[in-house]
Amino acid sequence: MSKLDSEKEQFIKSIDGFKQNLEKIKKFSNLEHANEYAQDAQVLRENLNTAFDKIRQFNDREVLFSQ
């Protein structure tokens, strides 16, 4: 397995963590816990931004390796 394939596999596993975080946020219903949910939402946003960057890197590397 190439390094790129290994990194992709690890990335896919991290997506499952994002899903779990999103499911927790979707259960928000009590304003007393708004700060906690806001922090979770901010972490999810940062993780998704990082994930989009990583996807671009994967695509760039695949293009480079295919030439």
Protein backbone atom coordinates (compact mmCIF):
# COMPACT_ATOMS: atom_id res chain seq x y z
CA MET A 1 0.00 0.00 0.00
CA SER A 2 1.39 3.38 -0.95
CA LYS A 3 1.81 6.22 1.50
CA LEU A 4 -0.95 8.15 -0.28
CA ASP A 5 -3.36 5.21 0.02
CA SER A 6 -2.52 4.84 3.69
CA GLU A 7 -3.15 8.53 4.30
CA LYS A 8 -6.46 8.31 2.46
CA GLU A 9 -7.54 5.38 4.61
CA GLN A 10 -6.66 7.28 7.78
CA PHE A 11 -8.53 10.31 6.45
CA ILE A 12 -11.67 8.25 5.88
CA LYS A 13 -11.50 7.06 9.48
CA SER A 14 -11.28 10.66 10.67
CA ILE A 15 -14.48 11.44 8.75
CA ASP A 16 -16.30 9.04 11.08
CA GLY A 17 -15.22 11.23 14.00
CA PHE A 18 -16.68 14.24 12.21
CA LYS A 19 -19.96 12.38 11.80
CA GLN A 20 -20.10 11.61 15.51
CA ASN A 21 -19.40 15.24 16.37
CA LEU A 22 -22.16 16.38 14.01
CA GLU A 23 -24.65 13.94 15.54
CA LYS A 24 -23.89 15.38 18.98
CA ILE A 25 -24.38 18.94 17.71
CA LYS A 26 -27.68 18.02 16.04
CA LYS A 27 -29.05 17.06 19.48
CA PHE A 28 -28.65 20.63 20.75
CA SER A 29 -31.86 21.72 22.44
CA ASN A 30 -30.93 23.33 25.75
CA LEU A 31 -29.62 26.89 25.85
CA GLU A 32 -27.81 26.16 29.10
CA HIS A 33 -25.38 24.07 27.06
CA ALA A 34 -25.02 26.54 24.18
CA ASN A 35 -21.34 27.24 24.88
CA GLU A 36 -20.46 23.56 24.81
CA TYR A 37 -22.27 23.06 21.51
CA ALA A 38 -20.74 26.23 20.09
CA GLN A 39 -17.27 24.90 20.92
CA ASP A 40 -18.12 21.54 19.34
CA ALA A 41 -19.40 23.33 16.24
CA GLN A 42 -16.23 25.41 16.01
CA VAL A 43 -14.05 22.31 16.30
CA LEU A 44 -16.11 20.59 13.61
CA ARG A 45 -15.76 23.61 11.34
CA GLU A 46 -11.98 23.68 11.81
CA ASN A 47 -11.77 19.93 11.19
CA LEU A 48 -13.82 20.24 8.01
CA ASN A 49 -11.66 23.11 6.73
CA THR A 50 -8.57 21.00 7.39
CA ALA A 51 -10.22 18.04 5.66
CA PHE A 52 -10.97 20.09 2.55
CA ASP A 53 -7.32 21.18 2.43
CA LYS A 54 -6.21 17.57 2.78
CA ILE A 55 -8.52 16.52 -0.08
CA ARG A 56 -6.96 19.18 -2.29
CA GLN A 57 -3.51 17.86 -1.34
CA PHE A 58 -4.58 14.29 -2.18
CA ASN A 59 -5.85 15.44 -5.57
CA ASP A 60 -2.69 17.42 -6.29
CA ARG A 61 -0.50 14.44 -5.37
CA GLU A 62 -2.57 12.06 -7.48
CA VAL A 63 -2.23 14.36 -10.48
CA LEU A 64 1.51 14.65 -9.88
CA PHE A 65 1.96 10.87 -9.59
CA SER A 66 -0.10 10.16 -12.70
CA GLN A 67 2.12 12.31 -14.95
